[in-house]
Amino acid sequence: MSKKIRVGICGYGNLGKGVESEIPKSEDMELVAIFTRRNPETLETVSNVPVVSMNEMENWKDKIDVVIMCGGSATDLPVQVPATAKMFNTVDSFDTHAKIPEYYSSVDESAISANKTALISGGWDPGMFSIMRVYADSILSQGKTYTFWGKGVSQGHSDAIRRIEGVKDAKQYTIPIEEAMNKVRAGENPVLTTAQKHLRECFVVAEDGYDKKEIETKIKTMPNYFSDYDTTVHFISEEELRANHSKMAHGGFVIHSGETGNGNKDVIEYSLKLDSNPEFTASVLIALARATYRLNEEGKYGAKTVLDVPPAYLSKKSGEELRKELL
C-alpha cells in the first residue's frame, strides 16, 4: 500500500468526534492530530493522537495532508477555513446554501495562494444531495428538482440557535410537509414556497435571566435559517433536552420529476435515513478528504466542490476493483 493520507481534525464537537470514530475504517488514512480552540489539556478524546491548540496549527504544516474542518457554518467556518487553507488542504461542510458563492470565493483565494486544495460544502446536503440534483437535472433537463429534509436534527441550525446570547443549549428539527412531497412524487411539479415544504421546530434551553420572548424573536427572524419558515420554538429544561432530544437522526429526499417522449412521466428519487447525522456527515467528509488529497497531488489547487470530484476519487478501491465490483 502507498503511504497513508495523514488527516487532522479541526474542532471537536459532534462532527469532529464523528470523524475521529470513522477514520479507522479507512485503512488508507491515519489521524495525526486534533486541533481545538479549547485548552488542549482539558479535551478527552478516544484516539491516542496529540490534541493541539488551533494557534499552533502552522507547526504541523509538513505533518498533515488534509485537515477536516468541523466547526459550525454560522460563525466558525467562514473565518477558520480561509485561514487554514493557507497552510493545509482542507475539507468542510459549510451548509448555508445562500452564502456558498461568496464563501467559495474567499476560500479559493486563500487556497490558490498556497497551492492548496480546499473542498467546501461537503457532507450530504450540500454534498451528496448536490450531486443527485445535478445528475437528475442533466438527465431530465425539462423537469423540476425538489429537496426535502427530515424529520431530523439539523446540526447547522441547532448550532446557529446556540450562538444566540442567552441560549444554553438547543436542538432544531426539520420536518418535511407530507402533502407537498406527495404532489411531487405524483409528478405534478407544484410551485412550492419554502414554508410549504418544511416546518422547523426548535427546543431551547435558556440561560437564567434572559428574555425568552426576545430569544424566540431572534430565532424566528434569523435570515438563511428560520425567517422563511413556519418555525415553532419550545423552551424546555436542560434535563428534558438531554432525556428527549439527545439523538442525532436525520435524512431527506431529492426528487426530480420530468418527462420523456410525448408526455411520459419520469421520477428520480434519492433518499437518506440516518441514525447519526454527525457520523454519516463525517463519513462523507472522510471520503472527500481522500479525493481532495488526490486532486492536490495532481496540481488542482483552489476551492473545489463535490461537483468537481470524479466519483472514483472518493473510493479507496482501485480502478480495476471499481469496474469489476461497482460499475
C-alpha atoms as a PDB file:
ATOM      1  CA  MET A   1       0.000   0.000   0.000  1.00  0.00           C
ATOM      2  CA  SER A   2       1.208   3.554  -0.745  1.00  0.00           C
ATOM      3  CA  LYS A   3       1.714   5.932   2.168  1.00  0.00           C
ATOM      4  CA  LYS A   4      -1.320   6.685   4.271  1.00  0.00           C
ATOM      5  CA  ILE A   5      -3.117  10.028   3.911  1.00  0.00           C
ATOM      6  CA  ARG A   6      -2.398  11.979   7.089  1.00  0.00           C
ATOM      7  CA  VAL A   7      -5.530  13.642   8.457  1.00  0.00           C
ATOM      8  CA  GLY A   8      -6.095  16.366  11.031  1.00  0.00           C
ATOM      9  CA  ILE A   9      -9.396  17.320  12.679  1.00  0.00           C
ATOM     10  CA  CYS A  10     -10.147  20.967  13.450  1.00  0.00           C
ATOM     11  CA  GLY A  11     -12.920  21.275  16.044  1.00  0.00           C
ATOM     12  CA  TYR A  12     -14.044  18.575  18.451  1.00  0.00           C
ATOM     13  CA  GLY A  13     -17.826  18.810  18.671  1.00  0.00           C
ATOM     14  CA  ASN A  14     -20.295  16.215  17.377  1.00  0.00           C
ATOM     15  CA  LEU A  15     -18.854  16.278  13.863  1.00  0.00           C
ATOM     16  CA  GLY A  16     -15.229  16.180  14.982  1.00  0.00           C
ATOM     17  CA  LYS A  17     -15.964  13.209  17.222  1.00  0.00           C
ATOM     18  CA  GLY A  18     -17.725  11.545  14.285  1.00  0.00           C
ATOM     19  CA  VAL A  19     -14.648  11.976  12.066  1.00  0.00           C
ATOM     20  CA  GLU A  20     -12.459  10.571  14.836  1.00  0.00           C
ATOM     21  CA  SER A  21     -14.640   7.464  15.181  1.00  0.00           C
ATOM     22  CA  GLU A  22     -14.890   6.789  11.426  1.00  0.00           C
ATOM     23  CA  ILE A  23     -11.297   7.319  10.230  1.00  0.00           C
ATOM     24  CA  PRO A  24     -10.095   3.906  11.490  1.00  0.00           C
ATOM     25  CA  LYS A  25     -12.454   2.286   8.958  1.00  0.00           C
ATOM     26  CA  SER A  26     -10.313   3.670   6.126  1.00  0.00           C
ATOM     27  CA  GLU A  27      -7.054   1.757   6.092  1.00  0.00           C
ATOM     28  CA  ASP A  28      -5.514   4.228   3.621  1.00  0.00           C
ATOM     29  CA  MET A  29      -5.782   7.079   6.157  1.00  0.00           C
ATOM     30  CA  GLU A  30      -4.465   7.888   9.610  1.00  0.00           C
ATOM     31  CA  LEU A  31      -5.488  10.507  12.137  1.00  0.00           C
ATOM     32  CA  VAL A  32      -2.470  12.588  13.148  1.00  0.00           C
ATOM     33  CA  ALA A  33      -3.770  15.411  15.365  1.00  0.00           C
ATOM     34  CA  ILE A  34      -6.881  17.149  16.685  1.00  0.00           C
ATOM     35  CA  PHE A  35      -6.893  20.966  16.752  1.00  0.00           C
ATOM     36  CA  THR A  36      -9.098  22.819  19.226  1.00  0.00           C
ATOM     37  CA  ARG A  37      -9.914  26.317  20.459  1.00  0.00           C
ATOM     38  CA  ARG A  38     -10.226  24.943  23.974  1.00  0.00           C
ATOM     39  CA  ASN A  39      -7.364  24.230  26.336  1.00  0.00           C
ATOM     40  CA  PRO A  40      -5.938  21.029  24.780  1.00  0.00           C
ATOM     41  CA  GLU A  41      -5.281  19.577  28.230  1.00  0.00           C
ATOM     42  CA  THR A  42      -8.993  19.631  29.044  1.00  0.00           C
ATOM     43  CA  LEU A  43     -10.057  17.655  25.950  1.00  0.00           C
ATOM     44  CA  GLU A  44     -10.830  13.981  26.455  1.00  0.00           C
ATOM     45  CA  THR A  45     -10.574  12.086  23.147  1.00  0.00           C
ATOM     46  CA  VAL A  46     -10.944   8.422  22.246  1.00  0.00           C
ATOM     47  CA  SER A  47      -7.960   8.281  19.894  1.00  0.00           C
ATOM     48  CA  ASN A  48      -4.386   8.358  21.055  1.00  0.00           C
ATOM     49  CA  VAL A  49      -3.296  11.363  18.982  1.00  0.00           C
ATOM     50  CA  PRO A  50      -1.969  14.763  20.072  1.00  0.00           C
ATOM     51  CA  VAL A  51      -4.516  17.467  20.896  1.00  0.00           C
ATOM     52  CA  VAL A  52      -3.160  20.836  19.781  1.00  0.00           C
ATOM     53  CA  SER A  53      -4.257  24.442  20.115  1.00  0.00           C
ATOM     54  CA  MET A  54      -5.511  25.969  16.861  1.00  0.00           C
ATOM     55  CA  ASN A  55      -2.946  28.702  17.420  1.00  0.00           C
ATOM     56  CA  GLU A  56      -0.199  26.133  16.807  1.00  0.00           C
ATOM     57  CA  MET A  57      -1.564  24.631  13.587  1.00  0.00           C
ATOM     58  CA  GLU A  58       1.232  26.117  11.490  1.00  0.00           C
ATOM     59  CA  ASN A  59       3.745  23.910  13.292  1.00  0.00           C
ATOM     60  CA  TRP A  60       2.040  20.868  11.708  1.00  0.00           C
ATOM     61  CA  LYS A  61       2.190  22.007   8.077  1.00  0.00           C
ATOM     62  CA  ASP A  62       4.572  19.233   6.998  1.00  0.00           C
ATOM     63  CA  LYS A  63       2.920  16.504   9.077  1.00  0.00           C
ATOM     64  CA  ILE A  64      -0.664  16.572   7.751  1.00  0.00           C
ATOM     65  CA  ASP A  65      -2.040  16.115   4.228  1.00  0.00           C
ATOM     66  CA  VAL A  66      -5.672  17.174   4.786  1.00  0.00           C
ATOM     67  CA  VAL A  67      -7.467  18.922   7.655  1.00  0.00           C
ATOM     68  CA  ILE A  68     -11.172  18.159   8.070  1.00  0.00           C
ATOM     69  CA  MET A  69     -12.798  21.337   9.365  1.00  0.00           C
ATOM     70  CA  CYS A  70     -15.558  20.531  11.845  1.00  0.00           C
ATOM     71  CA  GLY A  71     -16.740  23.950  13.022  1.00  0.00           C
ATOM     72  CA  GLY A  72     -20.177  25.471  12.527  1.00  0.00           C
ATOM     73  CA  SER A  73     -21.258  27.264   9.359  1.00  0.00           C
ATOM     74  CA  ALA A  74     -22.704  30.294  11.137  1.00  0.00           C
ATOM     75  CA  THR A  75     -19.503  31.808  12.510  1.00  0.00           C
ATOM     76  CA  ASP A  76     -16.639  29.254  12.562  1.00  0.00           C
ATOM     77  CA  LEU A  77     -16.010  28.064   9.008  1.00  0.00           C
ATOM     78  CA  PRO A  78     -16.142  31.468   7.234  1.00  0.00           C
ATOM     79  CA  VAL A  79     -13.201  32.588   9.404  1.00  0.00           C
ATOM     80  CA  GLN A  80     -11.337  29.336  10.029  1.00  0.00           C
ATOM     81  CA  VAL A  81     -11.262  27.793   6.550  1.00  0.00           C
ATOM     82  CA  PRO A  82      -9.740  30.715   4.584  1.00  0.00           C
ATOM     83  CA  ALA A  83      -7.038  30.944   7.271  1.00  0.00           C
ATOM     84  CA  THR A  84      -6.380  27.200   7.383  1.00  0.00           C
ATOM     85  CA  ALA A  85      -6.371  26.803   3.576  1.00  0.00           C
ATOM     86  CA  LYS A  86      -3.208  28.925   3.511  1.00  0.00           C
ATOM     87  CA  MET A  87      -1.450  26.113   5.384  1.00  0.00           C
ATOM     88  CA  PHE A  88      -3.242  22.827   4.582  1.00  0.00           C
ATOM     89  CA  ASN A  89      -5.544  21.112   2.138  1.00  0.00           C
ATOM     90  CA  THR A  90      -8.991  21.298   3.762  1.00  0.00           C
ATOM     91  CA  VAL A  91     -12.448  19.733   3.632  1.00  0.00           C
ATOM     92  CA  ASP A  92     -15.509  21.305   5.246  1.00  0.00           C
ATOM     93  CA  SER A  93     -19.294  21.015   5.432  1.00  0.00           C
ATOM     94  CA  PHE A  94     -20.322  24.681   5.116  1.00  0.00           C
ATOM     95  CA  ASP A  95     -24.087  24.428   4.631  1.00  0.00           C
ATOM     96  CA  THR A  96     -25.522  27.952   4.351  1.00  0.00           C
ATOM     97  CA  HIS A  97     -26.670  27.491   0.742  1.00  0.00           C
ATOM     98  CA  ALA A  98     -27.323  31.173   0.056  1.00  0.00           C
ATOM     99  CA  LYS A  99     -23.767  32.126   1.020  1.00  0.00           C
ATOM    100  CA  ILE A 100     -21.867  29.385  -0.817  1.00  0.00           C
ATOM    101  CA  PRO A 101     -20.788  31.588  -3.784  1.00  0.00           C
ATOM    102  CA  GLU A 102     -19.130  34.223  -1.587  1.00  0.00           C
ATOM    103  CA  TYR A 103     -17.689  31.551   0.715  1.00  0.00           C
ATOM    104  CA  TYR A 104     -16.234  29.734  -2.306  1.00  0.00           C
ATOM    105  CA  SER A 105     -14.509  32.929  -3.496  1.00  0.00           C
ATOM    106  CA  SER A 106     -12.988  33.619  -0.079  1.00  0.00           C
ATOM    107  CA  VAL A 107     -11.619  30.089   0.315  1.00  0.00           C
ATOM    108  CA  ASP A 108     -10.473  29.894  -3.316  1.00  0.00           C
ATOM    109  CA  GLU A 109      -8.262  32.959  -2.947  1.00  0.00           C
ATOM    110  CA  SER A 110      -6.557  31.539   0.148  1.00  0.00           C
ATOM    111  CA  ALA A 111      -6.013  28.050  -1.241  1.00  0.00           C
ATOM    112  CA  ILE A 112      -4.654  29.201  -4.607  1.00  0.00           C
ATOM    113  CA  SER A 113      -2.149  31.492  -2.893  1.00  0.00           C
ATOM    114  CA  ALA A 114      -0.627  28.470  -1.113  1.00  0.00           C
ATOM    115  CA  ASN A 115      -1.019  25.766  -3.809  1.00  0.00           C
ATOM    116  CA  LYS A 116      -3.585  24.034  -1.601  1.00  0.00           C
ATOM    117  CA  THR A 117      -6.892  22.362  -2.420  1.00  0.00           C
ATOM    118  CA  ALA A 118      -9.935  23.226  -0.315  1.00  0.00           C
ATOM    119  CA  LEU A 119     -13.109  21.236  -0.812  1.00  0.00           C
ATOM    120  CA  ILE A 120     -16.047  23.245   0.524  1.00  0.00           C
ATOM    121  CA  SER A 121     -19.636  22.353   1.385  1.00  0.00           C
ATOM    122  CA  GLY A 122     -19.211  18.592   1.619  1.00  0.00           C
ATOM    123  CA  GLY A 123     -21.479  16.318   3.618  1.00  0.00           C
ATOM    124  CA  TRP A 124     -24.882  15.175   2.443  1.00  0.00           C
ATOM    125  CA  ASP A 125     -26.617  18.493   1.745  1.00  0.00           C
ATOM    126  CA  PRO A 126     -24.852  20.323   0.344  1.00  0.00           C
ATOM    127  CA  GLY A 127     -22.767  17.395  -0.830  1.00  0.00           C
ATOM    128  CA  MET A 128     -24.329  14.098  -1.869  1.00  0.00           C
ATOM    129  CA  PHE A 129     -27.705  15.714  -2.491  1.00  0.00           C
ATOM    130  CA  SER A 130     -25.974  18.315  -4.684  1.00  0.00           C
ATOM    131  CA  ILE A 131     -24.589  15.557  -6.904  1.00  0.00           C
ATOM    132  CA  MET A 132     -28.017  13.927  -7.206  1.00  0.00           C
ATOM    133  CA  ARG A 133     -29.623  17.253  -8.137  1.00  0.00           C
ATOM    134  CA  VAL A 134     -27.085  17.775 -10.932  1.00  0.00           C
ATOM    135  CA  TYR A 135     -27.456  14.210 -12.233  1.00  0.00           C
ATOM    136  CA  ALA A 136     -31.243  14.434 -12.288  1.00  0.00           C
ATOM    137  CA  ASP A 137     -31.369  17.921 -13.820  1.00  0.00           C
ATOM    138  CA  SER A 138     -28.873  16.879 -16.500  1.00  0.00           C
ATOM    139  CA  ILE A 139     -30.791  13.731 -17.452  1.00  0.00           C
ATOM    140  CA  LEU A 140     -34.315  15.216 -17.342  1.00  0.00           C
ATOM    141  CA  SER A 141     -33.496  18.810 -18.186  1.00  0.00           C
ATOM    142  CA  GLN A 142     -37.130  19.781 -18.702  1.00  0.00           C
ATOM    143  CA  GLY A 143     -38.117  18.671 -15.214  1.00  0.00           C
ATOM    144  CA  LYS A 144     -38.076  20.167 -11.712  1.00  0.00           C
ATOM    145  CA  THR A 145     -35.983  19.238  -8.699  1.00  0.00           C
ATOM    146  CA  TYR A 146     -37.261  19.301  -5.132  1.00  0.00           C
ATOM    147  CA  THR A 147     -35.319  18.698  -1.920  1.00  0.00           C
ATOM    148  CA  PHE A 148     -36.936  17.734   1.364  1.00  0.00           C
ATOM    149  CA  TRP A 149     -35.083  17.325   4.651  1.00  0.00           C
ATOM    150  CA  GLY A 150     -36.046  15.409   7.776  1.00  0.00           C
ATOM    151  CA  LYS A 151     -37.592  14.641  10.001  1.00  0.00           C
ATOM    152  CA  GLY A 152     -34.371  15.088  11.854  1.00  0.00           C
ATOM    153  CA  VAL A 153     -31.921  17.227  13.783  1.00  0.00           C
ATOM    154  CA  SER A 154     -30.107  19.862  11.747  1.00  0.00           C
ATOM    155  CA  GLN A 155     -26.627  20.368  13.215  1.00  0.00           C
ATOM    156  CA  GLY A 156     -26.135  23.697  11.447  1.00  0.00           C
ATOM    157  CA  HIS A 157     -29.463  25.149  12.533  1.00  0.00           C
ATOM    158  CA  SER A 158     -29.054  23.879  16.085  1.00  0.00           C
ATOM    159  CA  ASP A 159     -25.598  25.474  16.193  1.00  0.00           C
ATOM    160  CA  ALA A 160     -26.994  28.777  14.892  1.00  0.00           C
ATOM    161  CA  ILE A 161     -29.530  28.859  17.742  1.00  0.00           C
ATOM    162  CA  ARG A 162     -26.849  28.076  20.315  1.00  0.00           C
ATOM    163  CA  ARG A 163     -24.874  31.120  19.136  1.00  0.00           C
ATOM    164  CA  ILE A 164     -27.701  33.437  20.264  1.00  0.00           C
ATOM    165  CA  GLU A 165     -26.934  35.223  23.527  1.00  0.00           C
ATOM    166  CA  GLY A 166     -28.962  33.698  26.347  1.00  0.00           C
ATOM    167  CA  VAL A 167     -29.237  30.218  24.798  1.00  0.00           C
ATOM    168  CA  LYS A 168     -27.591  27.499  26.872  1.00  0.00           C
ATOM    169  CA  ASP A 169     -28.406  24.615  24.514  1.00  0.00           C
ATOM    170  CA  ALA A 170     -30.779  23.828  21.651  1.00  0.00           C
ATOM    171  CA  LYS A 171     -31.906  21.237  19.115  1.00  0.00           C
ATOM    172  CA  GLN A 172     -33.727  22.057  15.896  1.00  0.00           C
ATOM    173  CA  TYR A 173     -35.821  19.588  13.909  1.00  0.00           C
ATOM    174  CA  THR A 174     -36.536  19.996  10.208  1.00  0.00           C
ATOM    175  CA  ILE A 175     -39.874  18.418   9.274  1.00  0.00           C
ATOM    176  CA  PRO A 176     -40.970  17.865   5.648  1.00  0.00           C
ATOM    177  CA  ILE A 177     -44.610  18.528   4.804  1.00  0.00           C
ATOM    178  CA  GLU A 178     -46.094  15.241   3.577  1.00  0.00           C
ATOM    179  CA  GLU A 179     -48.736  16.805   1.321  1.00  0.00           C
ATOM    180  CA  ALA A 180     -46.070  18.646  -0.663  1.00  0.00           C
ATOM    181  CA  MET A 181     -43.948  15.503  -1.046  1.00  0.00           C
ATOM    182  CA  ASN A 182     -46.920  13.505  -2.309  1.00  0.00           C
ATOM    183  CA  LYS A 183     -47.635  16.096  -5.022  1.00  0.00           C
ATOM    184  CA  VAL A 184     -44.028  15.976  -6.173  1.00  0.00           C
ATOM    185  CA  ARG A 185     -43.939  12.170  -6.251  1.00  0.00           C
ATOM    186  CA  ALA A 186     -47.114  12.201  -8.335  1.00  0.00           C
ATOM    187  CA  GLY A 187     -45.301  14.226 -10.990  1.00  0.00           C
ATOM    188  CA  GLU A 188     -47.469  17.331 -10.510  1.00  0.00           C
ATOM    189  CA  ASN A 189     -44.446  19.662 -10.394  1.00  0.00           C
ATOM    190  CA  PRO A 190     -46.126  22.053  -7.945  1.00  0.00           C
ATOM    191  CA  VAL A 191     -44.819  25.552  -7.251  1.00  0.00           C
ATOM    192  CA  LEU A 192     -43.920  25.460  -3.557  1.00  0.00           C
ATOM    193  CA  THR A 193     -42.725  28.213  -1.285  1.00  0.00           C
ATOM    194  CA  THR A 194     -40.109  27.464   1.343  1.00  0.00           C
ATOM    195  CA  ALA A 195     -42.796  27.427   4.027  1.00  0.00           C
ATOM    196  CA  GLN A 196     -44.906  24.957   2.026  1.00  0.00           C
ATOM    197  CA  LYS A 197     -42.107  22.366   2.005  1.00  0.00           C
ATOM    198  CA  HIS A 198     -40.854  22.293   5.595  1.00  0.00           C
ATOM    199  CA  LEU A 199     -41.616  23.159   9.186  1.00  0.00           C
ATOM    200  CA  ARG A 200     -38.900  23.985  11.716  1.00  0.00           C
ATOM    201  CA  GLU A 201     -39.319  23.022  15.361  1.00  0.00           C
ATOM    202  CA  CYS A 202     -36.858  24.281  17.982  1.00  0.00           C
ATOM    203  CA  PHE A 203     -36.304  23.061  21.538  1.00  0.00           C
ATOM    204  CA  VAL A 204     -34.340  25.631  23.513  1.00  0.00           C
ATOM    205  CA  VAL A 205     -32.776  25.774  26.972  1.00  0.00           C
ATOM    206  CA  ALA A 206     -32.497  29.425  28.000  1.00  0.00           C
ATOM    207  CA  GLU A 207     -29.942  30.828  30.419  1.00  0.00           C
ATOM    208  CA  ASP A 208     -31.406  32.243  33.628  1.00  0.00           C
ATOM    209  CA  GLY A 209     -32.264  35.924  33.448  1.00  0.00           C
ATOM    210  CA  TYR A 210     -32.729  36.174  29.675  1.00  0.00           C
ATOM    211  CA  ASP A 211     -35.959  37.238  27.975  1.00  0.00           C
ATOM    212  CA  LYS A 212     -37.379  34.131  26.259  1.00  0.00           C
ATOM    213  CA  LYS A 213     -39.612  36.234  24.007  1.00  0.00           C
ATOM    214  CA  GLU A 214     -36.563  38.101  22.729  1.00  0.00           C
ATOM    215  CA  ILE A 215     -34.702  34.820  22.086  1.00  0.00           C
ATOM    216  CA  GLU A 216     -37.707  33.446  20.219  1.00  0.00           C
ATOM    217  CA  THR A 217     -37.865  36.556  18.031  1.00  0.00           C
ATOM    218  CA  LYS A 218     -34.142  36.299  17.217  1.00  0.00           C
ATOM    219  CA  ILE A 219     -34.619  32.674  16.158  1.00  0.00           C
ATOM    220  CA  LYS A 220     -37.693  33.261  14.015  1.00  0.00           C
ATOM    221  CA  THR A 221     -36.195  36.274  12.215  1.00  0.00           C
ATOM    222  CA  MET A 222     -32.742  34.742  11.558  1.00  0.00           C
ATOM    223  CA  PRO A 223     -32.038  35.078   7.815  1.00  0.00           C
ATOM    224  CA  ASN A 224     -30.970  31.980   5.838  1.00  0.00           C
ATOM    225  CA  TYR A 225     -32.043  29.764   8.745  1.00  0.00           C
ATOM    226  CA  PHE A 226     -35.572  30.439  10.041  1.00  0.00           C
ATOM    227  CA  SER A 227     -37.064  33.647   8.627  1.00  0.00           C
ATOM    228  CA  ASP A 228     -38.629  31.959   5.586  1.00  0.00           C
ATOM    229  CA  TYR A 229     -40.172  29.050   7.517  1.00  0.00           C
ATOM    230  CA  ASP A 230     -43.075  28.320   9.814  1.00  0.00           C
ATOM    231  CA  THR A 231     -40.964  27.995  12.962  1.00  0.00           C
ATOM    232  CA  THR A 232     -42.105  26.830  16.393  1.00  0.00           C
ATOM    233  CA  VAL A 233     -39.967  27.460  19.473  1.00  0.00           C
ATOM    234  CA  HIS A 234     -40.350  25.459  22.702  1.00  0.00           C
ATOM    235  CA  PHE A 235     -38.461  26.425  25.852  1.00  0.00           C
ATOM    236  CA  ILE A 236     -37.618  23.383  27.957  1.00  0.00           C
ATOM    237  CA  SER A 237     -35.313  22.375  30.793  1.00  0.00           C
ATOM    238  CA  GLU A 238     -31.789  21.074  30.306  1.00  0.00           C
ATOM    239  CA  GLU A 239     -32.892  17.745  31.770  1.00  0.00           C
ATOM    240  CA  GLU A 240     -35.734  17.420  29.252  1.00  0.00           C
ATOM    241  CA  LEU A 241     -33.429  18.260  26.348  1.00  0.00           C
ATOM    242  CA  ARG A 242     -30.988  15.580  27.488  1.00  0.00           C
ATOM    243  CA  ALA A 243     -33.718  12.981  28.045  1.00  0.00           C
ATOM    244  CA  ASN A 244     -35.841  13.526  24.928  1.00  0.00           C
ATOM    245  CA  HIS A 245     -33.592  15.197  22.339  1.00  0.00           C
ATOM    246  CA  SER A 246     -30.170  13.565  22.608  1.00  0.00           C
ATOM    247  CA  LYS A 247     -30.342  11.548  19.382  1.00  0.00           C
ATOM    248  CA  MET A 248     -28.963  12.944  16.105  1.00  0.00           C
ATOM    249  CA  ALA A 249     -31.116  11.218  13.484  1.00  0.00           C
ATOM    250  CA  HIS A 250     -31.754  12.940  10.148  1.00  0.00           C
ATOM    251  CA  GLY A 251     -32.315  12.255   6.470  1.00  0.00           C
ATOM    252  CA  GLY A 252     -34.094  13.569   3.431  1.00  0.00           C
ATOM    253  CA  PHE A 253     -35.106  13.220  -0.190  1.00  0.00           C
ATOM    254  CA  VAL A 254     -34.131  14.616  -3.582  1.00  0.00           C
ATOM    255  CA  ILE A 255     -36.998  14.145  -6.028  1.00  0.00           C
ATOM    256  CA  HIS A 256     -36.825  15.180  -9.681  1.00  0.00           C
ATOM    257  CA  SER A 257     -39.872  14.910 -11.910  1.00  0.00           C
ATOM    258  CA  GLY A 258     -39.706  15.297 -15.684  1.00  0.00           C
ATOM    259  CA  GLU A 259     -40.943  13.934 -18.995  1.00  0.00           C
ATOM    260  CA  THR A 260     -39.539  11.973 -21.893  1.00  0.00           C
ATOM    261  CA  GLY A 261     -41.089  11.384 -25.290  1.00  0.00           C
ATOM    262  CA  ASN A 262     -44.652  12.568 -25.690  1.00  0.00           C
ATOM    263  CA  GLY A 263     -45.849  13.026 -22.117  1.00  0.00           C
ATOM    264  CA  ASN A 264     -44.191  10.039 -20.422  1.00  0.00           C
ATOM    265  CA  LYS A 265     -43.594  10.932 -16.780  1.00  0.00           C
ATOM    266  CA  ASP A 266     -40.333  10.014 -15.079  1.00  0.00           C
ATOM    267  CA  VAL A 267     -39.479  10.487 -11.414  1.00  0.00           C
ATOM    268  CA  ILE A 268     -35.962  10.182  -9.978  1.00  0.00           C
ATOM    269  CA  GLU A 269     -35.757   9.874  -6.191  1.00  0.00           C
ATOM    270  CA  TYR A 270     -32.762   9.625  -3.879  1.00  0.00           C
ATOM    271  CA  SER A 271     -33.155   9.348  -0.119  1.00  0.00           C
ATOM    272  CA  LEU A 272     -31.187   9.017   3.098  1.00  0.00           C
ATOM    273  CA  LYS A 273     -32.304   7.776   6.508  1.00  0.00           C
ATOM    274  CA  LEU A 274     -29.636   8.353   9.124  1.00  0.00           C
ATOM    275  CA  ASP A 275     -29.450   7.244  12.744  1.00  0.00           C
ATOM    276  CA  SER A 276     -26.493   9.577  13.280  1.00  0.00           C
ATOM    277  CA  ASN A 277     -26.266  12.744  11.244  1.00  0.00           C
ATOM    278  CA  PRO A 278     -22.747  13.674  12.501  1.00  0.00           C
ATOM    279  CA  GLU A 279     -21.278  10.201  11.967  1.00  0.00           C
ATOM    280  CA  PHE A 280     -22.684   9.970   8.442  1.00  0.00           C
ATOM    281  CA  THR A 281     -21.572  13.509   7.583  1.00  0.00           C
ATOM    282  CA  ALA A 282     -18.133  12.595   8.949  1.00  0.00           C
ATOM    283  CA  SER A 283     -18.033   9.540   6.677  1.00  0.00           C
ATOM    284  CA  VAL A 284     -18.746  11.720   3.640  1.00  0.00           C
ATOM    285  CA  LEU A 285     -16.036  14.205   4.653  1.00  0.00           C
ATOM    286  CA  ILE A 286     -13.502  11.402   5.047  1.00  0.00           C
ATOM    287  CA  ALA A 287     -14.179  10.178   1.501  1.00  0.00           C
ATOM    288  CA  LEU A 288     -13.906  13.767   0.281  1.00  0.00           C
ATOM    289  CA  ALA A 289     -10.602  14.172   2.139  1.00  0.00           C
ATOM    290  CA  ARG A 290      -9.250  11.276   0.084  1.00  0.00           C
ATOM    291  CA  ALA A 291     -10.444  12.984  -3.105  1.00  0.00           C
ATOM    292  CA  THR A 292      -9.022  16.344  -2.027  1.00  0.00           C
ATOM    293  CA  TYR A 293      -5.607  14.823  -1.416  1.00  0.00           C
ATOM    294  CA  ARG A 294      -5.660  13.234  -4.873  1.00  0.00           C
ATOM    295  CA  LEU A 295      -6.720  16.483  -6.565  1.00  0.00           C
ATOM    296  CA  ASN A 296      -3.916  18.354  -4.827  1.00  0.00           C
ATOM    297  CA  GLU A 297      -1.373  15.731  -5.886  1.00  0.00           C
ATOM    298  CA  GLU A 298      -2.445  16.442  -9.471  1.00  0.00           C
ATOM    299  CA  GLY A 299      -1.900  20.185  -9.016  1.00  0.00           C
ATOM    300  CA  LYS A 300      -5.582  21.111  -8.956  1.00  0.00           C
ATOM    301  CA  TYR A 301      -5.438  23.967  -6.482  1.00  0.00           C
ATOM    302  CA  GLY A 302      -8.053  26.336  -5.083  1.00  0.00           C
ATOM    303  CA  ALA A 303     -11.588  25.810  -3.801  1.00  0.00           C
ATOM    304  CA  LYS A 304     -13.498  22.817  -5.113  1.00  0.00           C
ATOM    305  CA  THR A 305     -16.950  21.334  -4.515  1.00  0.00           C
ATOM    306  CA  VAL A 306     -18.311  17.805  -4.753  1.00  0.00           C
ATOM    307  CA  LEU A 307     -19.319  18.645  -8.314  1.00  0.00           C
ATOM    308  CA  ASP A 308     -15.628  18.876  -9.242  1.00  0.00           C
ATOM    309  CA  VAL A 309     -14.727  15.442  -7.857  1.00  0.00           C
ATOM    310  CA  PRO A 310     -14.642  12.345 -10.113  1.00  0.00           C
ATOM    311  CA  PRO A 311     -16.554   9.570  -8.293  1.00  0.00           C
ATOM    312  CA  ALA A 312     -13.553   7.236  -8.400  1.00  0.00           C
ATOM    313  CA  TYR A 313     -11.502   9.722  -6.359  1.00  0.00           C
ATOM    314  CA  LEU A 314     -13.777   9.143  -3.361  1.00  0.00           C
ATOM    315  CA  SER A 315     -13.079   5.435  -3.169  1.00  0.00           C
ATOM    316  CA  LYS A 316     -10.219   3.555  -1.553  1.00  0.00           C
ATOM    317  CA  LYS A 317     -10.759   0.832  -4.184  1.00  0.00           C
ATOM    318  CA  SER A 318      -8.591   0.706  -7.309  1.00  0.00           C
ATOM    319  CA  GLY A 319      -9.969   1.480 -10.732  1.00  0.00           C
ATOM    320  CA  GLU A 320      -9.909  -2.220 -11.569  1.00  0.00           C
ATOM    321  CA  GLU A 321     -11.885  -3.075  -8.413  1.00  0.00           C
ATOM    322  CA  LEU A 322     -14.440  -0.351  -9.100  1.00  0.00           C
ATOM    323  CA  ARG A 323     -15.027  -1.526 -12.669  1.00  0.00           C
ATOM    324  CA  LYS A 324     -15.398  -5.137 -11.534  1.00  0.00           C
ATOM    325  CA  GLU A 325     -17.477  -4.657  -8.381  1.00  0.00           C
ATOM    326  CA  LEU A 326     -19.491  -1.431  -8.708  1.00  0.00           C
ATOM    327  CA  LEU A 327     -19.765  -0.446 -12.351  1.00  0.00           C
END
